[in-house]
Amino acid sequence: MTKRKKLKDMTLEDYINLYADVDAYLASGGKLLDLPLVLGEGKRRVEAYPLTDKQRQGFARVGLFFKRLGALGDTNNRMGETVTEEQAREIWESTKVEEQT
């Protein structure tokens, strides 16, 4: 198992590779709830980067995951209730099923 870099040590290419293959990140012990968001300047840099189709698909899947994760707040969850890694994994797996259809 390869050692994962700390968030502060990640390069733009590290983020892109992580998002392109989140399943490999999870297989190496990563947690969905620790998945870094790419915001602000980082997002602009990613958008300017020439992504491969696989990388673009990975970013789309991660985007769908975060969209569904955010939608949990619109359901009957109580204020202050947190999402578990197990719930996050269920959401992640649901994006894979949709991706294949």
PDB file of N, CA and C in Angstrom:
ATOM      1  N   MET A   1       0.845  -1.176   0.000  1.00  0.00           N
ATOM      2  CA  MET A   1       0.000   0.000   0.000  1.00  0.00           C
ATOM      3  C   MET A   1       0.889   1.237   0.000  1.00  0.00           C
ATOM      4  N   THR A   2       0.598   2.194  -0.904  1.00  0.00           N
ATOM      5  CA  THR A   2       1.383   3.410  -0.954  1.00  0.00           C
ATOM      6  C   THR A   2       0.885   4.386   0.098  1.00  0.00           C
ATOM      7  N   LYS A   3       1.818   5.141   0.637  1.00  0.00           N
ATOM      8  CA  LYS A   3       1.460   6.113   1.664  1.00  0.00           C
ATOM      9  C   LYS A   3       0.791   7.314   1.001  1.00  0.00           C
ATOM     10  N   ARG A   4      -0.347   7.725   1.533  1.00  0.00           N
ATOM     11  CA  ARG A   4      -1.050   8.873   0.998  1.00  0.00           C
ATOM     12  C   ARG A   4      -0.381  10.151   1.477  1.00  0.00           C
ATOM     13  N   LYS A   5      -0.334  11.143   0.595  1.00  0.00           N
ATOM     14  CA  LYS A   5       0.232  12.431   0.961  1.00  0.00           C
ATOM     15  C   LYS A   5      -0.745  13.193   1.845  1.00  0.00           C
ATOM     16  N   LYS A   6      -0.199  14.033   2.699  1.00  0.00           N
ATOM     17  CA  LYS A   6      -1.039  14.917   3.483  1.00  0.00           C
ATOM     18  C   LYS A   6      -1.606  15.978   2.551  1.00  0.00           C
ATOM     19  N   LEU A   7      -2.779  16.470   2.880  1.00  0.00           N
ATOM     20  CA  LEU A   7      -3.467  17.449   2.049  1.00  0.00           C
ATOM     21  C   LEU A   7      -2.564  18.622   1.683  1.00  0.00           C
ATOM     22  N   LYS A   8      -1.827  19.152   2.649  1.00  0.00           N
ATOM     23  CA  LYS A   8      -0.990  20.326   2.394  1.00  0.00           C
ATOM     24  C   LYS A   8       0.172  20.013   1.460  1.00  0.00           C
ATOM     25  N   ASP A   9       0.523  18.746   1.302  1.00  0.00           N
ATOM     26  CA  ASP A   9       1.643  18.349   0.448  1.00  0.00           C
ATOM     27  C   ASP A   9       1.213  17.926  -0.952  1.00  0.00           C
ATOM     28  N   MET A  10      -0.086  17.958  -1.227  1.00  0.00           N
ATOM     29  CA  MET A  10      -0.584  17.496  -2.520  1.00  0.00           C
ATOM     30  C   MET A  10      -0.388  18.559  -3.598  1.00  0.00           C
ATOM     31  N   THR A  11       0.036  18.105  -4.778  1.00  0.00           N
ATOM     32  CA  THR A  11       0.169  18.975  -5.943  1.00  0.00           C
ATOM     33  C   THR A  11      -1.139  18.936  -6.732  1.00  0.00           C
ATOM     34  N   LEU A  12      -1.242  19.783  -7.732  1.00  0.00           N
ATOM     35  CA  LEU A  12      -2.416  19.777  -8.601  1.00  0.00           C
ATOM     36  C   LEU A  12      -2.579  18.401  -9.251  1.00  0.00           C
ATOM     37  N   GLU A  13      -1.477  17.822  -9.693  1.00  0.00           N
ATOM     38  CA  GLU A  13      -1.538  16.498 -10.319  1.00  0.00           C
ATOM     39  C   GLU A  13      -2.002  15.437  -9.326  1.00  0.00           C
ATOM     40  N   ASP A  14      -1.602  15.572  -8.048  1.00  0.00           N
ATOM     41  CA  ASP A  14      -2.059  14.637  -7.015  1.00  0.00           C
ATOM     42  C   ASP A  14      -3.580  14.696  -6.871  1.00  0.00           C
ATOM     43  N   TYR A  15      -4.127  15.914  -6.818  1.00  0.00           N
ATOM     44  CA  TYR A  15      -5.583  16.072  -6.719  1.00  0.00           C
ATOM     45  C   TYR A  15      -6.277  15.444  -7.917  1.00  0.00           C
ATOM     46  N   ILE A  16      -5.758  15.734  -9.093  1.00  0.00           N
ATOM     47  CA  ILE A  16      -6.378  15.218 -10.323  1.00  0.00           C
ATOM     48  C   ILE A  16      -6.352  13.702 -10.336  1.00  0.00           C
ATOM     49  N   ASN A  17      -5.222  13.115  -9.981  1.00  0.00           N
ATOM     50  CA  ASN A  17      -5.129  11.651  -9.952  1.00  0.00           C
ATOM     51  C   ASN A  17      -6.029  11.053  -8.884  1.00  0.00           C
ATOM     52  N   LEU A  18      -6.144  11.711  -7.753  1.00  0.00           N
ATOM     53  CA  LEU A  18      -7.031  11.238  -6.688  1.00  0.00           C
ATOM     54  C   LEU A  18      -8.476  11.234  -7.162  1.00  0.00           C
ATOM     55  N   TYR A  19      -8.921  12.341  -7.739  1.00  0.00           N
ATOM     56  CA  TYR A  19     -10.303  12.439  -8.204  1.00  0.00           C
ATOM     57  C   TYR A  19     -10.576  11.526  -9.389  1.00  0.00           C
ATOM     58  N   ALA A  20      -9.553  11.252 -10.195  1.00  0.00           N
ATOM     59  CA  ALA A  20      -9.732  10.377 -11.352  1.00  0.00           C
ATOM     60  C   ALA A  20      -9.951   8.932 -10.936  1.00  0.00           C
ATOM     61  N   ASP A  21      -9.469   8.553  -9.744  1.00  0.00           N
ATOM     62  CA  ASP A  21      -9.613   7.165  -9.302  1.00  0.00           C
ATOM     63  C   ASP A  21      -9.819   7.099  -7.789  1.00  0.00           C
ATOM     64  N   VAL A  22     -10.968   7.564  -7.345  1.00  0.00           N
ATOM     65  CA  VAL A  22     -11.292   7.554  -5.914  1.00  0.00           C
ATOM     66  C   VAL A  22     -11.377   6.120  -5.394  1.00  0.00           C
ATOM     67  N   ASP A  23     -11.772   5.185  -6.242  1.00  0.00           N
ATOM     68  CA  ASP A  23     -11.845   3.795  -5.799  1.00  0.00           C
ATOM     69  C   ASP A  23     -10.471   3.281  -5.358  1.00  0.00           C
ATOM     70  N   ALA A  24      -9.408   3.678  -6.059  1.00  0.00           N
ATOM     71  CA  ALA A  24      -8.049   3.288  -5.660  1.00  0.00           C
ATOM     72  C   ALA A  24      -7.682   3.954  -4.334  1.00  0.00           C
ATOM     73  N   TYR A  25      -8.086   5.202  -4.159  1.00  0.00           N
ATOM     74  CA  TYR A  25      -7.863   5.923  -2.893  1.00  0.00           C
ATOM     75  C   TYR A  25      -8.544   5.187  -1.740  1.00  0.00           C
ATOM     76  N   LEU A  26      -9.775   4.746  -1.963  1.00  0.00           N
ATOM     77  CA  LEU A  26     -10.516   4.014  -0.925  1.00  0.00           C
ATOM     78  C   LEU A  26      -9.858   2.662  -0.650  1.00  0.00           C
ATOM     79  N   ALA A  27      -9.408   1.994  -1.708  1.00  0.00           N
ATOM     80  CA  ALA A  27      -8.769   0.684  -1.542  1.00  0.00           C
ATOM     81  C   ALA A  27      -7.474   0.781  -0.738  1.00  0.00           C
ATOM     82  N   SER A  28      -6.829   1.953  -0.776  1.00  0.00           N
ATOM     83  CA  SER A  28      -5.583   2.132  -0.025  1.00  0.00           C
ATOM     84  C   SER A  28      -5.839   2.645   1.393  1.00  0.00           C
ATOM     85  N   GLY A  29      -7.113   2.643   1.804  1.00  0.00           N
ATOM     86  CA  GLY A  29      -7.437   3.040   3.172  1.00  0.00           C
ATOM     87  C   GLY A  29      -7.982   4.438   3.316  1.00  0.00           C
ATOM     88  N   GLY A  30      -8.149   5.156   2.204  1.00  0.00           N
ATOM     89  CA  GLY A  30      -8.705   6.510   2.261  1.00  0.00           C
ATOM     90  C   GLY A  30     -10.172   6.487   2.673  1.00  0.00           C
ATOM     91  N   LYS A  31     -10.616   7.597   3.197  1.00  0.00           N
ATOM     92  CA  LYS A  31     -12.013   7.728   3.628  1.00  0.00           C
ATOM     93  C   LYS A  31     -12.685   8.823   2.810  1.00  0.00           C
ATOM     94  N   LEU A  32     -13.921   8.554   2.407  1.00  0.00           N
ATOM     95  CA  LEU A  32     -14.663   9.540   1.634  1.00  0.00           C
ATOM     96  C   LEU A  32     -14.848  10.839   2.403  1.00  0.00           C
ATOM     97  N   LEU A  33     -15.030  10.744   3.710  1.00  0.00           N
ATOM     98  CA  LEU A  33     -15.247  11.952   4.500  1.00  0.00           C
ATOM     99  C   LEU A  33     -13.972  12.778   4.647  1.00  0.00           C
ATOM    100  N   ASP A  34     -12.826  12.223   4.235  1.00  0.00           N
ATOM    101  CA  ASP A  34     -11.565  12.968   4.235  1.00  0.00           C
ATOM    102  C   ASP A  34     -11.205  13.475   2.842  1.00  0.00           C
ATOM    103  N   LEU A  35     -12.042  13.171   1.855  1.00  0.00           N
ATOM    104  CA  LEU A  35     -11.759  13.566   0.482  1.00  0.00           C
ATOM    105  C   LEU A  35     -11.716  15.092   0.401  1.00  0.00           C
ATOM    106  N   PRO A  36     -10.611  15.646  -0.079  1.00  0.00           N
ATOM    107  CA  PRO A  36     -10.499  17.112  -0.099  1.00  0.00           C
ATOM    108  C   PRO A  36     -11.376  17.731  -1.182  1.00  0.00           C
ATOM    109  N   LEU A  37     -11.939  18.874  -0.865  1.00  0.00           N
ATOM    110  CA  LEU A  37     -12.670  19.656  -1.851  1.00  0.00           C
ATOM    111  C   LEU A  37     -11.674  20.511  -2.613  1.00  0.00           C
ATOM    112  N   VAL A  38     -11.921  20.692  -3.889  1.00  0.00           N
ATOM    113  CA  VAL A  38     -11.083  21.576  -4.691  1.00  0.00           C
ATOM    114  C   VAL A  38     -11.903  22.834  -4.934  1.00  0.00           C
ATOM    115  N   LEU A  39     -11.517  23.911  -4.257  1.00  0.00           N
ATOM    116  CA  LEU A  39     -12.271  25.158  -4.310  1.00  0.00           C
ATOM    117  C   LEU A  39     -11.375  26.324  -4.724  1.00  0.00           C
ATOM    118  N   GLY A  40     -11.987  27.431  -5.052  1.00  0.00           N
ATOM    119  CA  GLY A  40     -11.257  28.666  -5.314  1.00  0.00           C
ATOM    120  C   GLY A  40     -10.207  28.529  -6.392  1.00  0.00           C
ATOM    121  N   GLU A  41      -8.986  28.968  -6.057  1.00  0.00           N
ATOM    122  CA  GLU A  41      -7.883  28.951  -7.014  1.00  0.00           C
ATOM    123  C   GLU A  41      -7.581  27.535  -7.495  1.00  0.00           C
ATOM    124  N   GLY A  42      -7.681  26.552  -6.588  1.00  0.00           N
ATOM    125  CA  GLY A  42      -7.452  25.165  -6.984  1.00  0.00           C
ATOM    126  C   GLY A  42      -8.430  24.717  -8.050  1.00  0.00           C
ATOM    127  N   LYS A  43      -9.688  25.116  -7.900  1.00  0.00           N
ATOM    128  CA  LYS A  43     -10.706  24.757  -8.886  1.00  0.00           C
ATOM    129  C   LYS A  43     -10.394  25.398 -10.239  1.00  0.00           C
ATOM    130  N   ARG A  44      -9.985  26.647 -10.216  1.00  0.00           N
ATOM    131  CA  ARG A  44      -9.634  27.326 -11.477  1.00  0.00           C
ATOM    132  C   ARG A  44      -8.440  26.648 -12.148  1.00  0.00           C
ATOM    133  N   ARG A  45      -7.479  26.214 -11.354  1.00  0.00           N
ATOM    134  CA  ARG A  45      -6.308  25.533 -11.919  1.00  0.00           C
ATOM    135  C   ARG A  45      -6.702  24.188 -12.530  1.00  0.00           C
ATOM    136  N   VAL A  46      -7.590  23.462 -11.865  1.00  0.00           N
ATOM    137  CA  VAL A  46      -8.045  22.177 -12.410  1.00  0.00           C
ATOM    138  C   VAL A  46      -8.811  22.402 -13.711  1.00  0.00           C
ATOM    139  N   GLU A  47      -9.674  23.419 -13.735  1.00  0.00           N
ATOM    140  CA  GLU A  47     -10.460  23.687 -14.940  1.00  0.00           C
ATOM    141  C   GLU A  47      -9.571  24.041 -16.130  1.00  0.00           C
ATOM    142  N   ALA A  48      -8.410  24.639 -15.860  1.00  0.00           N
ATOM    143  CA  ALA A  48      -7.483  25.015 -16.932  1.00  0.00           C
ATOM    144  C   ALA A  48      -6.563  23.862 -17.340  1.00  0.00           C
ATOM    145  N   TYR A  49      -6.557  22.784 -16.581  1.00  0.00           N
ATOM    146  CA  TYR A  49      -5.675  21.650 -16.814  1.00  0.00           C
ATOM    147  C   TYR A  49      -6.270  20.764 -17.909  1.00  0.00           C
ATOM    148  N   PRO A  50      -5.449  20.277 -18.847  1.00  0.00           N
ATOM    149  CA  PRO A  50      -5.980  19.403 -19.907  1.00  0.00           C
ATOM    150  C   PRO A  50      -6.262  17.990 -19.359  1.00  0.00           C
ATOM    151  N   LEU A  51      -7.489  17.748 -18.973  1.00  0.00           N
ATOM    152  CA  LEU A  51      -7.874  16.465 -18.373  1.00  0.00           C
ATOM    153  C   LEU A  51      -8.117  15.410 -19.445  1.00  0.00           C
ATOM    154  N   THR A  52      -7.796  14.172 -19.107  1.00  0.00           N
ATOM    155  CA  THR A  52      -8.144  13.042 -19.977  1.00  0.00           C
ATOM    156  C   THR A  52      -9.620  12.721 -19.763  1.00  0.00           C
ATOM    157  N   ASP A  53     -10.169  11.882 -20.615  1.00  0.00           N
ATOM    158  CA  ASP A  53     -11.568  11.474 -20.444  1.00  0.00           C
ATOM    159  C   ASP A  53     -11.764  10.772 -19.104  1.00  0.00           C
ATOM    160  N   LYS A  54     -10.813   9.910 -18.717  1.00  0.00           N
ATOM    161  CA  LYS A  54     -10.933   9.198 -17.441  1.00  0.00           C
ATOM    162  C   LYS A  54     -10.922  10.182 -16.270  1.00  0.00           C
ATOM    163  N   GLN A  55     -10.052  11.165 -16.333  1.00  0.00           N
ATOM    164  CA  GLN A  55     -10.000  12.165 -15.266  1.00  0.00           C
ATOM    165  C   GLN A  55     -11.296  12.968 -15.213  1.00  0.00           C
ATOM    166  N   ARG A  56     -11.810  13.347 -16.371  1.00  0.00           N
ATOM    167  CA  ARG A  56     -13.062  14.106 -16.443  1.00  0.00           C
ATOM    168  C   ARG A  56     -14.210  13.289 -15.857  1.00  0.00           C
ATOM    169  N   GLN A  57     -14.256  11.998 -16.173  1.00  0.00           N
ATOM    170  CA  GLN A  57     -15.287  11.119 -15.619  1.00  0.00           C
ATOM    171  C   GLN A  57     -15.157  11.004 -14.105  1.00  0.00           C
ATOM    172  N   GLY A  58     -13.913  10.923 -13.624  1.00  0.00           N
ATOM    173  CA  GLY A  58     -13.686  10.864 -12.176  1.00  0.00           C
ATOM    174  C   GLY A  58     -14.191  12.114 -11.483  1.00  0.00           C
ATOM    175  N   PHE A  59     -13.898  13.282 -12.042  1.00  0.00           N
ATOM    176  CA  PHE A  59     -14.369  14.539 -11.454  1.00  0.00           C
ATOM    177  C   PHE A  59     -15.892  14.613 -11.489  1.00  0.00           C
ATOM    178  N   ALA A  60     -16.500  14.133 -12.572  1.00  0.00           N
ATOM    179  CA  ALA A  60     -17.967  14.148 -12.663  1.00  0.00           C
ATOM    180  C   ALA A  60     -18.574  13.260 -11.578  1.00  0.00           C
ATOM    181  N   ARG A  61     -17.976  12.103 -11.355  1.00  0.00           N
ATOM    182  CA  ARG A  61     -18.496  11.193 -10.329  1.00  0.00           C
ATOM    183  C   ARG A  61     -18.333  11.795  -8.936  1.00  0.00           C
ATOM    184  N   VAL A  62     -17.181  12.403  -8.670  1.00  0.00           N
ATOM    185  CA  VAL A  62     -16.967  13.045  -7.374  1.00  0.00           C
ATOM    186  C   VAL A  62     -17.969  14.190  -7.193  1.00  0.00           C
ATOM    187  N   GLY A  63     -18.216  14.947  -8.259  1.00  0.00           N
ATOM    188  CA  GLY A  63     -19.196  16.034  -8.189  1.00  0.00           C
ATOM    189  C   GLY A  63     -20.585  15.515  -7.851  1.00  0.00           C
ATOM    190  N   LEU A  64     -20.970  14.413  -8.486  1.00  0.00           N
ATOM    191  CA  LEU A  64     -22.267  13.805  -8.194  1.00  0.00           C
ATOM    192  C   LEU A  64     -22.323  13.318  -6.746  1.00  0.00           C
ATOM    193  N   PHE A  65     -21.222  12.737  -6.279  1.00  0.00           N
ATOM    194  CA  PHE A  65     -21.149  12.287  -4.883  1.00  0.00           C
ATOM    195  C   PHE A  65     -21.373  13.451  -3.928  1.00  0.00           C
ATOM    196  N   PHE A  66     -20.638  14.555  -4.129  1.00  0.00           N
ATOM    197  CA  PHE A  66     -20.785  15.700  -3.230  1.00  0.00           C
ATOM    198  C   PHE A  66     -22.180  16.324  -3.332  1.00  0.00           C
ATOM    199  N   LYS A  67     -22.760  16.306  -4.517  1.00  0.00           N
ATOM    200  CA  LYS A  67     -24.122  16.822  -4.694  1.00  0.00           C
ATOM    201  C   LYS A  67     -25.107  15.994  -3.865  1.00  0.00           C
ATOM    202  N   ARG A  68     -24.978  14.676  -3.951  1.00  0.00           N
ATOM    203  CA  ARG A  68     -25.878  13.803  -3.178  1.00  0.00           C
ATOM    204  C   ARG A  68     -25.611  13.908  -1.684  1.00  0.00           C
ATOM    205  N   LEU A  69     -24.365  14.054  -1.318  1.00  0.00           N
ATOM    206  CA  LEU A  69     -24.018  14.216   0.092  1.00  0.00           C
ATOM    207  C   LEU A  69     -24.648  15.502   0.630  1.00  0.00           C
ATOM    208  N   GLY A  70     -24.563  16.561  -0.143  1.00  0.00           N
ATOM    209  CA  GLY A  70     -25.172  17.832   0.259  1.00  0.00           C
ATOM    210  C   GLY A  70     -26.683  17.769   0.337  1.00  0.00           C
ATOM    211  N   ALA A  71     -27.281  16.934  -0.502  1.00  0.00           N
ATOM    212  CA  ALA A  71     -28.741  16.806  -0.507  1.00  0.00           C
ATOM    213  C   ALA A  71     -29.262  16.137   0.757  1.00  0.00           C
ATOM    214  N   LEU A  72     -28.393  15.459   1.496  1.00  0.00           N
ATOM    215  CA  LEU A  72     -28.838  14.841   2.746  1.00  0.00           C
ATOM    216  C   LEU A  72     -29.384  15.885   3.707  1.00  0.00           C
ATOM    217  N   GLY A  73     -28.875  17.102   3.621  1.00  0.00           N
ATOM    218  CA  GLY A  73     -29.365  18.180   4.477  1.00  0.00           C
ATOM    219  C   GLY A  73     -30.785  18.574   4.143  1.00  0.00           C
ATOM    220  N   ASP A  74     -31.249  18.220   2.955  1.00  0.00           N
ATOM    221  CA  ASP A  74     -32.607  18.549   2.538  1.00  0.00           C
ATOM    222  C   ASP A  74     -33.613  17.465   2.924  1.00  0.00           C
ATOM    223  N   THR A  75     -33.130  16.397   3.542  1.00  0.00           N
ATOM    224  CA  THR A  75     -34.020  15.311   3.926  1.00  0.00           C
ATOM    225  C   THR A  75     -34.461  15.498   5.369  1.00  0.00           C
ATOM    226  N   ASN A  76     -34.935  14.468   5.986  1.00  0.00           N
ATOM    227  CA  ASN A  76     -35.449  14.549   7.346  1.00  0.00           C
ATOM    228  C   ASN A  76     -34.382  14.412   8.416  1.00  0.00           C
ATOM    229  N   ASN A  77     -33.123  14.623   8.060  1.00  0.00           N
ATOM    230  CA  ASN A  77     -32.055  14.542   9.055  1.00  0.00           C
ATOM    231  C   ASN A  77     -32.198  15.666  10.073  1.00  0.00           C
ATOM    232  N   ARG A  78     -31.844  15.362  11.306  1.00  0.00           N
ATOM    233  CA  ARG A  78     -31.925  16.367  12.367  1.00  0.00           C
ATOM    234  C   ARG A  78     -30.716  17.288  12.324  1.00  0.00           C
ATOM    235  N   MET A  79     -30.909  18.499  12.807  1.00  0.00           N
ATOM    236  CA  MET A  79     -29.836  19.487  12.893  1.00  0.00           C
ATOM    237  C   MET A  79     -28.682  18.916  13.716  1.00  0.00           C
ATOM    238  N   GLY A  80     -27.474  19.050  13.221  1.00  0.00           N
ATOM    239  CA  GLY A  80     -26.301  18.576  13.940  1.00  0.00           C
ATOM    240  C   GLY A  80     -25.968  17.119  13.694  1.00  0.00           C
ATOM    241  N   GLU A  81     -26.833  16.405  12.996  1.00  0.00           N
ATOM    242  CA  GLU A  81     -26.582  14.999  12.688  1.00  0.00           C
ATOM    243  C   GLU A  81     -25.462  14.925  11.651  1.00  0.00           C
ATOM    244  N   THR A  82     -24.521  14.011  11.841  1.00  0.00           N
ATOM    245  CA  THR A  82     -23.406  13.893  10.904  1.00  0.00           C
ATOM    246  C   THR A  82     -23.533  12.623  10.071  1.00  0.00           C
ATOM    247  N   VAL A  83     -22.955  12.676   8.907  1.00  0.00           N
ATOM    248  CA  VAL A  83     -22.948  11.536   7.993  1.00  0.00           C
ATOM    249  C   VAL A  83     -21.821  10.601   8.408  1.00  0.00           C
ATOM    250  N   THR A  84     -22.099   9.317   8.400  1.00  0.00           N
ATOM    251  CA  THR A  84     -21.069   8.335   8.726  1.00  0.00           C
ATOM    252  C   THR A  84     -20.323   7.935   7.445  1.00  0.00           C
ATOM    253  N   GLU A  85     -19.158   7.349   7.611  1.00  0.00           N
ATOM    254  CA  GLU A  85     -18.405   6.859   6.468  1.00  0.00           C
ATOM    255  C   GLU A  85     -19.216   5.793   5.723  1.00  0.00           C
ATOM    256  N   GLU A  86     -19.950   4.972   6.470  1.00  0.00           N
ATOM    257  CA  GLU A  86     -20.787   3.944   5.841  1.00  0.00           C
ATOM    258  C   GLU A  86     -21.855   4.582   4.944  1.00  0.00           C
ATOM    259  N   GLN A  87     -22.504   5.638   5.423  1.00  0.00           N
ATOM    260  CA  GLN A  87     -23.501   6.328   4.600  1.00  0.00           C
ATOM    261  C   GLN A  87     -22.841   6.945   3.369  1.00  0.00           C
ATOM    262  N   ALA A  88     -21.657   7.527   3.575  1.00  0.00           N
ATOM    263  CA  ALA A  88     -20.934   8.125   2.453  1.00  0.00           C
ATOM    264  C   ALA A  88     -20.575   7.052   1.419  1.00  0.00           C
ATOM    265  N   ARG A  89     -20.168   5.878   1.882  1.00  0.00           N
ATOM    266  CA  ARG A  89     -19.831   4.778   0.954  1.00  0.00           C
ATOM    267  C   ARG A  89     -21.055   4.341   0.150  1.00  0.00           C
ATOM    268  N   GLU A  90     -22.211   4.303   0.794  1.00  0.00           N
ATOM    269  CA  GLU A  90     -23.440   3.936   0.078  1.00  0.00           C
ATOM    270  C   GLU A  90     -23.733   4.946  -1.027  1.00  0.00           C
ATOM    271  N   ILE A  91     -23.552   6.217  -0.713  1.00  0.00           N
ATOM    272  CA  ILE A  91     -23.768   7.253  -1.718  1.00  0.00           C
ATOM    273  C   ILE A  91     -22.747   7.103  -2.843  1.00  0.00           C
ATOM    274  N   TRP A  92     -21.480   6.862  -2.478  1.00  0.00           N
ATOM    275  CA  TRP A  92     -20.436   6.691  -3.487  1.00  0.00           C
ATOM    276  C   TRP A  92     -20.763   5.524  -4.411  1.00  0.00           C
ATOM    277  N   GLU A  93     -21.147   4.406  -3.831  1.00  0.00           N
ATOM    278  CA  GLU A  93     -21.488   3.235  -4.649  1.00  0.00           C
ATOM    279  C   GLU A  93     -22.677   3.510  -5.563  1.00  0.00           C
ATOM    280  N   SER A  94     -23.620   4.308  -5.123  1.00  0.00           N
ATOM    281  CA  SER A  94     -24.778   4.627  -5.965  1.00  0.00           C
ATOM    282  C   SER A  94     -24.361   5.443  -7.169  1.00  0.00           C
ATOM    283  N   THR A  95     -23.296   6.217  -7.074  1.00  0.00           N
ATOM    284  CA  THR A  95     -22.827   6.977  -8.237  1.00  0.00           C
ATOM    285  C   THR A  95     -22.184   6.059  -9.263  1.00  0.00           C
ATOM    286  N   LYS A  96     -21.614   4.943  -8.802  1.00  0.00           N
ATOM    287  CA  LYS A  96     -21.003   3.983  -9.719  1.00  0.00           C
ATOM    288  C   LYS A  96     -22.070   3.279 -10.535  1.00  0.00           C
ATOM    289  N   VAL A  97     -23.147   2.887  -9.910  1.00  0.00           N
ATOM    290  CA  VAL A  97     -24.246   2.225 -10.614  1.00  0.00           C
ATOM    291  C   VAL A  97     -24.811   3.149 -11.667  1.00  0.00           C
ATOM    292  N   GLU A  98     -25.013   4.414 -11.312  1.00  0.00           N
ATOM    293  CA  GLU A  98     -25.571   5.373 -12.261  1.00  0.00           C
ATOM    294  C   GLU A  98     -24.595   5.643 -13.400  1.00  0.00           C
ATOM    295  N   GLU A  99     -23.319   5.670 -13.088  1.00  0.00           N
ATOM    296  CA  GLU A  99     -22.282   5.941 -14.072  1.00  0.00           C
ATOM    297  C   GLU A  99     -22.276   4.876 -15.176  1.00  0.00           C
ATOM    298  N   GLN A 100     -22.569   3.637 -14.823  1.00  0.00           N
ATOM    299  CA  GLN A 100     -22.526   2.533 -15.780  1.00  0.00           C
ATOM    300  C   GLN A 100     -23.771   2.441 -16.639  1.00  0.00           C
ATOM    301  N   THR A 101     -24.850   3.099 -16.240  1.00  0.00           N
ATOM    302  CA  THR A 101     -26.093   2.991 -17.013  1.00  0.00           C
ATOM    303  C   THR A 101     -26.173   4.012 -18.117  1.00  0.00           C
TER     304      THR A 101
END
